[in-house]
Protein backbone atom coordinates (compact mmCIF):
# COMPACT_ATOMS: atom_id res chain seq x y z
CA MET A 1 -0.11 0.28 -0.24
CA VAL A 2 2.92 2.35 0.91
CA ASN A 3 4.33 1.65 -2.48
CA GLN A 4 1.37 1.99 -4.29
CA LEU A 5 1.09 5.75 -2.81
CA ALA A 6 4.46 6.49 -3.20
CA THR A 7 4.00 5.66 -6.85
CA ALA A 8 0.81 7.37 -7.27
CA PHE A 9 2.21 11.04 -5.87
CA ASP A 10 4.96 10.30 -8.49
CA LEU A 11 2.53 10.12 -11.06
CA TYR A 12 0.69 13.32 -9.67
CA TRP A 13 3.82 15.36 -9.75
CA GLN A 14 4.43 14.23 -13.25
CA ALA A 15 0.86 14.93 -14.26
CA LEU A 16 1.54 18.48 -12.42
CA ARG A 17 4.57 19.27 -14.67
CA LYS A 18 2.76 18.33 -17.54
CA THR A 19 -0.21 20.20 -16.90
CA TRP A 20 1.75 23.24 -16.15
CA HIS A 21 3.59 23.18 -19.64
CA SER A 22 -0.07 22.46 -21.02
CA LEU A 23 -1.53 25.25 -19.86
CA LEU A 24 1.15 27.88 -20.97
CA ARG A 25 0.16 26.23 -24.18
CA GLY A 26 -3.59 25.95 -24.02
CA TRP A 27 -3.80 29.37 -22.24
CA MET A 28 -6.94 30.17 -24.91
CA THR A 29 -8.77 27.22 -23.66
CA ILE A 30 -9.38 29.33 -20.39
CA VAL A 31 -10.95 31.97 -22.54
CA ALA A 32 -12.79 29.71 -24.79
CA VAL A 33 -14.07 28.40 -21.94
CA ILE A 34 -15.32 31.53 -20.44
CA ALA A 35 -16.73 32.53 -24.10
CA PHE A 36 -18.86 29.28 -23.88
CA LEU A 37 -20.19 30.13 -20.54
CA PHE A 38 -21.62 33.18 -21.95
CA VAL A 39 -23.28 31.10 -24.78
CA LEU A 40 -24.73 28.60 -22.41
CA ILE A 41 -26.15 31.64 -20.33
CA VAL A 42 -28.04 33.12 -23.67
CA ALA A 43 -29.11 29.70 -24.47
CA GLN A 44 -30.58 29.37 -21.05
CA GLN A 45 -32.56 32.27 -21.30
CA ILE A 46 -33.92 31.60 -25.05
CA ALA A 47 -34.66 27.73 -23.75
CA ALA A 48 -36.71 28.98 -20.74
CA PRO A 49 -40.21 30.08 -21.99
CA LEU A 50 -39.63 26.81 -24.58
CA GLY A 51 -40.84 24.22 -22.42
CA MET A 52 -39.80 20.43 -23.61
CA ALA A 53 -38.19 21.97 -26.78
CA GLY A 54 -36.06 24.27 -24.84
CA GLY A 55 -34.77 21.35 -23.12
CA PHE A 56 -33.62 19.63 -26.18
CA LEU A 57 -32.14 22.72 -27.32
CA LEU A 58 -30.40 23.00 -23.71
CA GLY A 59 -28.95 19.64 -24.30
CA ALA A 60 -27.82 20.49 -27.61
CA VAL A 61 -25.92 23.44 -26.74
CA ASN A 62 -24.51 21.73 -23.60
CA ALA A 63 -23.24 18.60 -25.66
CA LEU A 64 -21.93 21.30 -28.55
CA LEU A 65 -19.94 23.17 -25.41
CA VAL A 66 -18.61 20.00 -23.67
CA GLY A 67 -17.49 18.67 -26.96
CA MET A 68 -15.43 21.88 -28.01
CA THR A 69 -13.95 22.06 -24.47
CA LEU A 70 -12.81 18.47 -24.69
CA SER A 71 -11.15 18.85 -28.33
CA LEU A 72 -9.16 21.94 -26.99
CA VAL A 73 -8.07 20.05 -23.93
CA GLU A 74 -7.33 17.05 -26.11
CA GLN A 75 -4.62 19.44 -28.39
CA SER A 76 -2.76 20.21 -25.19
CA VAL A 77 -2.68 16.73 -23.73
CA SER A 78 -2.23 14.28 -26.29
CA TYR A 79 -0.63 16.45 -29.00
CA ALA A 80 1.24 19.25 -26.84
CA LYS A 81 0.14 21.59 -29.11
CA ALA A 82 -0.47 25.55 -28.40
CA VAL A 83 -4.26 26.30 -28.69
CA THR A 84 -5.09 29.43 -30.95
CA ILE A 85 -8.25 31.08 -31.69
CA ARG A 86 -8.52 29.06 -35.22
CA ASP A 87 -8.56 25.85 -33.12
CA VAL A 88 -11.60 26.98 -31.02
CA PHE A 89 -13.75 27.25 -34.10
CA ASP A 90 -12.57 24.36 -35.81
CA SER A 91 -13.21 22.20 -32.46
CA PHE A 92 -16.87 23.31 -33.38
CA GLY A 93 -18.71 19.75 -33.43
CA GLN A 94 -16.09 17.90 -31.63
CA TYR A 95 -17.13 15.10 -29.82
CA PHE A 96 -20.95 16.49 -30.04
CA TRP A 97 -22.63 13.14 -30.89
CA ASP A 98 -20.46 11.22 -28.17
CA VAL A 99 -21.51 13.60 -25.49
CA ILE A 100 -25.12 13.21 -27.10
CA GLY A 101 -25.21 9.63 -26.93
CA VAL A 102 -23.89 9.22 -23.29
CA GLY A 103 -26.45 11.72 -22.02
CA PHE A 104 -29.40 9.96 -24.20
CA VAL A 105 -28.69 6.54 -22.73
CA LEU A 106 -28.66 8.08 -19.47
CA TRP A 107 -31.37 10.11 -19.82
CA ILE A 108 -34.11 7.22 -19.88
CA PRO A 109 -33.23 5.42 -17.07
CA LEU A 110 -32.77 8.68 -14.94
CA MET A 111 -35.96 9.89 -15.59
CA ALA A 112 -37.33 6.67 -14.44
CA LEU A 113 -35.44 6.95 -11.33
CA ASP A 114 -37.22 10.06 -10.37
CA MET A 115 -40.32 9.11 -11.27
CA GLY A 116 -39.70 5.94 -9.34
CA THR A 117 -38.32 7.88 -6.12
CA GLN A 118 -40.94 10.61 -6.18
CA GLN A 119 -43.62 8.65 -3.99
CA ASN A 120 -40.59 6.77 -2.23
CA PRO A 121 -40.21 7.96 1.53
CA ASN A 122 -36.55 7.12 0.64
CA GLY A 123 -36.69 8.09 -2.63
CA GLN A 124 -33.76 11.04 -2.02
CA LEU A 125 -31.44 9.11 -0.13
CA ILE A 126 -31.92 6.31 -3.16
CA SER A 127 -31.54 9.41 -5.85
CA TYR A 128 -28.51 10.41 -3.88
CA ALA A 129 -26.91 6.64 -3.61
CA VAL A 130 -27.56 6.23 -7.59
CA MET A 131 -25.88 9.61 -8.45
CA LEU A 132 -22.92 8.63 -6.34
CA LEU A 133 -22.49 5.44 -8.08
CA ILE A 134 -22.55 7.04 -11.36
CA PHE A 135 -20.25 10.05 -10.29
CA ILE A 136 -17.77 7.21 -9.04
CA LEU A 137 -18.12 4.76 -12.19
CA LEU A 138 -18.42 7.30 -14.64
CA ASN A 139 -15.74 9.35 -13.24
CA PRO A 140 -13.59 9.13 -16.15
CA ALA A 141 -15.86 9.37 -19.06
CA PRO A 142 -14.81 12.62 -20.30
CA GLU A 143 -11.29 11.38 -20.75
CA ILE A 144 -12.16 7.97 -22.65
CA ILE A 145 -14.22 9.97 -24.86
CA TYR A 146 -11.14 11.92 -26.06
CA GLN A 147 -8.11 9.30 -25.60
CA VAL A 148 -9.66 5.88 -25.86
CA PRO A 149 -11.11 4.61 -29.02
CA HIS A 150 -14.54 3.47 -28.53
CA ASP A 151 -17.55 2.24 -30.32
CA SER A 152 -20.67 3.72 -28.61
CA PRO A 153 -22.10 5.24 -25.52
CA LEU A 154 -21.96 1.82 -23.63
CA ASP A 155 -18.61 0.94 -24.78
CA ILE A 156 -17.70 4.30 -22.84
CA PHE A 157 -18.99 2.91 -19.82
CA LYS A 158 -17.55 0.01 -19.84
CA ARG A 159 -14.11 1.12 -20.31
CA ALA A 160 -14.64 3.78 -17.68
CA TYR A 161 -16.11 1.08 -15.51
CA ASP A 162 -12.67 -1.07 -16.05
CA PHE A 163 -10.55 2.18 -15.80
CA VAL A 164 -11.88 2.72 -12.32
CA LEU A 165 -11.89 -0.80 -11.18
CA GLU A 166 -8.22 -1.03 -11.94
CA ASN A 167 -7.08 2.51 -10.81
CA TRP A 168 -9.34 4.01 -8.30
CA ILE A 169 -6.85 4.89 -5.64
CA GLU A 170 -4.89 6.78 -7.76
CA TRP A 171 -7.79 8.24 -9.58
CA PHE A 172 -9.72 9.33 -6.83
CA LEU A 173 -6.95 10.40 -4.45
CA PRO A 174 -6.57 13.87 -6.05
CA ILE A 175 -10.39 14.52 -5.89
CA ALA A 176 -10.46 13.22 -2.32
CA ILE A 177 -7.78 16.00 -1.73
CA LEU A 178 -9.53 18.48 -3.68
CA LEU A 179 -12.68 18.26 -1.80
CA LEU A 180 -11.30 17.75 1.74
CA PRO A 181 -12.31 21.21 3.07
CA LEU A 182 -15.73 20.72 1.77
CA VAL A 183 -16.02 17.40 3.37
CA ALA A 184 -14.50 18.57 6.81
CA ALA A 185 -16.80 21.55 6.85
CA PRO A 186 -20.00 21.43 8.90
CA GLY A 187 -22.75 20.02 6.66
CA GLY A 188 -19.85 18.80 4.28
CA LEU A 189 -21.24 15.39 3.55
CA THR A 190 -24.70 16.74 2.73
CA SER A 191 -22.66 19.06 0.66
CA PHE A 192 -20.60 16.45 -1.09
CA PHE A 193 -23.74 14.25 -1.90
CA LEU A 194 -25.25 17.13 -3.37
CA LEU A 195 -22.22 18.01 -5.57
CA SER A 196 -22.12 14.48 -6.63
CA HIS A 197 -25.70 14.31 -7.06
CA ARG A 198 -25.28 17.23 -9.94
CA VAL A 199 -22.12 15.99 -11.36
CA GLY A 200 -23.50 12.14 -11.45
CA ARG A 201 -26.43 12.95 -13.32
CA GLY A 202 -24.62 14.17 -16.32
CA ALA A 203 -21.74 11.76 -16.08
CA GLY A 204 -19.23 14.98 -16.06
CA LEU A 205 -20.42 15.53 -19.27
CA ASP A 206 -22.39 18.62 -18.30
CA PHE A 207 -20.79 22.03 -19.14
CA SER A 208 -21.87 23.98 -16.29
CA GLN A 209 -20.29 21.06 -13.88
CA ILE A 210 -17.14 21.76 -15.41
CA LEU A 211 -17.53 25.11 -13.95
CA ILE A 212 -18.98 24.27 -10.56
CA VAL A 213 -16.84 21.90 -9.31
CA PRO A 214 -14.02 24.07 -9.44
CA PHE A 215 -16.13 26.90 -7.79
CA THR A 216 -17.21 25.05 -4.85
CA ILE A 217 -13.51 23.55 -4.49
CA LEU A 218 -12.42 26.94 -4.50
CA ALA A 219 -15.24 28.54 -2.25
CA SER A 220 -14.51 25.57 0.19
CA TRP A 221 -10.50 26.02 0.27
CA LEU A 222 -11.03 29.86 0.44
CA SER A 223 -13.31 29.70 3.24
CA SER A 224 -11.07 27.25 5.35
CA LEU A 225 -8.29 29.41 5.24
CA GLY A 226 -10.65 32.00 6.80
CA LEU A 227 -10.65 34.79 3.68
CA ALA A 228 -13.12 37.58 3.90
CA PRO A 229 -16.17 36.85 2.07
CA ASP A 230 -16.12 40.00 0.04
CA VAL A 231 -12.44 38.86 -1.33
CA ALA A 232 -13.03 35.39 -1.42
CA GLN A 233 -16.09 36.37 -3.78
CA TYR A 234 -13.76 38.17 -6.39
CA LEU A 235 -11.07 35.23 -6.14
CA ILE A 236 -13.36 32.58 -6.61
CA LEU A 237 -14.69 34.01 -9.96
CA LEU A 238 -11.45 35.12 -11.30
CA LEU A 239 -10.06 31.68 -10.64
CA THR A 240 -12.66 29.36 -11.56
CA PRO A 241 -12.06 29.26 -15.36
CA PRO A 242 -8.39 28.94 -14.65
CA LEU A 243 -8.80 26.03 -12.32
CA ALA A 244 -11.51 24.36 -14.39
CA VAL A 245 -9.01 24.35 -17.13
CA SER A 246 -6.30 23.13 -14.93
CA ILE A 247 -8.24 20.20 -13.48
CA LEU A 248 -9.36 19.17 -16.91
CA LEU A 249 -5.87 19.13 -18.04
CA PHE A 250 -4.68 17.31 -14.48
CA ARG A 251 -7.03 14.20 -15.23
CA GLY A 252 -6.19 14.20 -18.99
CA HIS A 253 -2.38 13.69 -18.12
CA LEU A 254 -3.33 11.26 -15.18
CA PHE A 255 -5.28 9.34 -16.86
CA ALA A 256 -2.88 8.88 -20.23
CA SER A 257 -0.26 7.74 -17.81
CA LEU A 258 -2.70 5.34 -15.65
CA SER A 259 -3.69 3.78 -18.97
CA ARG A 260 -0.48 3.14 -20.21
CA SER A 261 0.39 0.69 -17.60
CA SER A 262 -1.15 -1.61 -14.85
CA HIS A 263 -0.49 -1.52 -10.68
CA ARG A 264 1.92 -4.38 -11.20
CA GLN A 265 3.95 -2.38 -14.04
CA ARG A 266 4.04 1.14 -11.92
CA GLN A 267 5.36 -0.57 -8.54
CA PHE A 268 8.13 -2.41 -10.67
CA ALA A 269 9.35 0.56 -11.97
CA SER A 270 8.79 2.56 -8.90
CA GLN A 271 11.09 -0.30 -6.99
CA LEU A 272 13.69 0.11 -9.87
CA LYS A 273 13.85 3.63 -9.50
CA GLY A 274 14.32 3.42 -5.98
CA ASN A 275 17.09 0.73 -6.21
CA GLU A 276 19.21 3.02 -8.50
């Protein structure tokens, strides 16, 4: 276990270094994410009075924005390529159908879950448990979409499940560290379940959640440091987009490293390094 953690922290250090270089090359992604947020806000205003049609419109806009974001992150992670304004426009439509497919496959069972839990006295607890399970098992779905060849949404689910089963300690430890102040705060477990419920519903492929998660992380960390609320508010607004992109880049580099090797291979390499 100690060797596994030591190997994991070595992976994190390497991923952090690569994330920093990717961020320097891909700073345009931060600008794009801010622009995408305004697009989403406008789409929400347009969709609000349209009922069910507005819901489908928002789903399409969300898939478009998430797909574009993943495409820009892919350029910095997989190709070590600087992101330009042209790349932002060229990313239009990328991974659109992958995001739509995952959302559609989840939509029907989640709709059935919502209907089935409405009259159940334990419905909310059941809903939270299911969303937490989705949050865990489908957590690497965004990275699988742009890094792993796949045939269908169900193939994405299977590959995400296999990856989590093989690498759950290394994958979730950074998430646990980032969420530590949130969970440790009064009512922290409730806040965590609310967050996992929101993220799980979209399998990490909801554009608003790409920003809500770092927003929540920043708020919990700044609150734990005792920063004045007014100052914290401005820092949160300023730092949320770069943190969101940094998290996506770090996840991408960590996923790539974990996918290329097994537990035994990493531990063996770590032992060889330690014996040198």
